[in-house]
Every structure is written in structure tokens, then in C-alpha cells.
Amino acid sequence: MNTVGNRITYKRKRPNPMFQEWLEELHEEAKEKGSKLEPMLREALDSLSKYPLPLNSGAECAILRGFQKKLCIFLDKRLSKKNDPTMVQFKKFPDLKHEYRSLKVGDFLWIARHRVNNEELVLPYIIERKRMDDLGASIKDGRFHEQKFRLKKCGLKHVLYLIENYGKNKHVGLPLQALRQALANTKVQDGFKIHMTDSLTHSTRFLAMMTKRLTLEFKDQSLVGCNHEQSPTKLMTYEYFSKTSMKTKKMSVMETFVKMLVQLKGMSLEKALAVTNKFKTLRCIIEAYKQCGQREGQLLLANLKYGDLNRNVGPTVSKSVYDLFTERSSE
């Protein structure tokens, strides 16, 4: 608070913290990619940080420098997601502490915040929520495999799919049996947990119960943070988790190879990781095939072990990989 003569003025430290946080994320990503949008975002961030009054929408931000039409529309879209029905349901649980943030992977996670320095550590649980119709759409357009890959690589030990029934599941984009099979594969082959609910209300109740359970589990522990993947004694900082989960992060050759493999029918993420553990790149496996006869090549991957149960990749998947990456299959 500043006093000038008889005039009293009050200046908020951050009148628009949510918009500022979103712009900081955009600016950081643009800077890392060397995007031409970086100067515009820097100007928008600078003008927003100096503006003394709260703004209620992206459209209102248009009065400030750097806020082009597309940026204002982007902010309004994110604002509409913030006000989605899930957040409204959370208000039914007044003791449930929650915040809205834009996660690079997953829909829900839990953080522990230091009481003094506000350092945030990510607890080893992450949830991807899907309604049955969303699940069908994501399988058809290929997002389902990509999301599973990114969840597997995010560094959090416990990954859970929260699946919500859509009415009587009559209009869900794919046959109900196909969706159930996809969920069974996700549970058995990828090792993810699946929890089914009948409505958004039940989903919110499940998240509230998870929060209470994790609060009891971790509240009396001395937690240690790290800027690398979690271990039994250390948790990732939220800052590190957020940076390493970016879609724009450059993938290694091996990660690209994994993404290619999981497009094959019957190839789970666990199986793909087993293949790339033996053959790090596409070139490595092609060179190995060149040294094999057709039958030997088709079975090259069959006995590779994958997952906690040490199962075999199997001859069917092994042959599919061979057929995809060799010309002999068409001879």
C-alpha cells in the first residue's frame, strides 16, 4: 500500500496470476523452440505484468500490447477448460484442496508443497480421465497410443486410467467390446490400473478419496526432491516434471522407434520397450534381420521378455515387426 499525501493506492502484486502463468509457459516453450512468436509473447507477458487491474477473459487482454487475436482466443479456450464440470464438482468437497493447472501429461496428479520455501514435489501417482466416447475417439485417431507412451515415460510409478461410462455407452464411436478389450490390454500389457465409474459425480468422489488416502500416507513423511526420475527415496520436483513432460521435447532415436512399434496390432508399450532394450534403433534391428533367414527373422523377437511377469513377446508380434521392416514378407 502506498500513501501519497491524502491519496491511498493499493497495488496488487500479481493481478492476473493465472494468465501470467499461462503466458510464462508459452514463452518458455517458444524460447526453447526458437519460435518467431517468442518476441510477441515476451511483449505480452511484460505488458500483462505491468497492468494493475484484474482481467476476466482473453478478450479483455486485447487492450494490452502483444495480445494478438489468436493469443486472446487461446486464453479464452483455456479459461473455458478451467471452468469445466469437473472443477464445479470439486466444490462439493470444501475440505478438498485443489488447483487448476495445465498439465503436459495426464489430467490429475498430487503435489506436496514445502511449508516454508513452497518447493513442490510430485507424488508418484497420475490419472488420465476419459469418458467412454472420448476413449473411442482417441483410439480411432491414434491419440490413445501416444498418451499411453507419454504416461509410461513421465517418470511416475502409478498410472491410472479413470474411465467414465457415457450414459448406456451406446454412442461411443467403437463397439463396446472393442473398448473393453483396449482397456484390458492397457491393464494387462501396459501395467496401468483401470478404475471405472458411472458418472462425473462418482469420478469426483473417487478423486476425493484418493486425495484423503495420499494425504494420510505422505503427511508425516520427510520428502526429498530431485531433478531426475523418481526413486523409492526421492520425488520429482513439479518444475522438472513439467519441463520433461512437454510434447515439444525432442525425442531420442530410441523413443521415436518405440512410437513406431506401438502402432502395430498387439504391440503394447511394454513389448516395444523390450524390443528397444535389445535393439536400440530401427537400423539395429534391420541389420539383425539381414543376418537371418526368413523363418529365423520372423521369430527373432519371440522370446524377448517383457513386463514384471517376464512374459515372451511372442511369435505373432515378432512376425509383425519382421514383416513391417523387411521386404522378404512380400516375396
Foldseek 3Di string as FASTA:
>chain_A
DDDDPPDDDDFDQQQEVVLLVVLVVVLVVCVVVVHPLNVLSVQLNVQNSPDRHHDDALVSSVVGGSSDPVNRVVRRVVVVVVVDVLVVLLVVPVVDDDDDDDALAADDFDWDADPPPRWIFTALEGEHEDELLRLLVCVVVVVVQVNLLLVVVLQRDAYEYEYEYDVPNPPRNDPPVVSVVVVVCCCPVVVHHYDYDHDSNVVSVVVSVVRVVVCVVPVPDDAAEDLDRDDPRHTHTPVSSRVVSHPPPDDDQQSVQLSVLCVDPLQHSQLSVLVCVVVVHLVSLLVVLVVDDLVCQLCVQQQRFTDPVRDGSHSVSSNVVSVVNDPVVVD
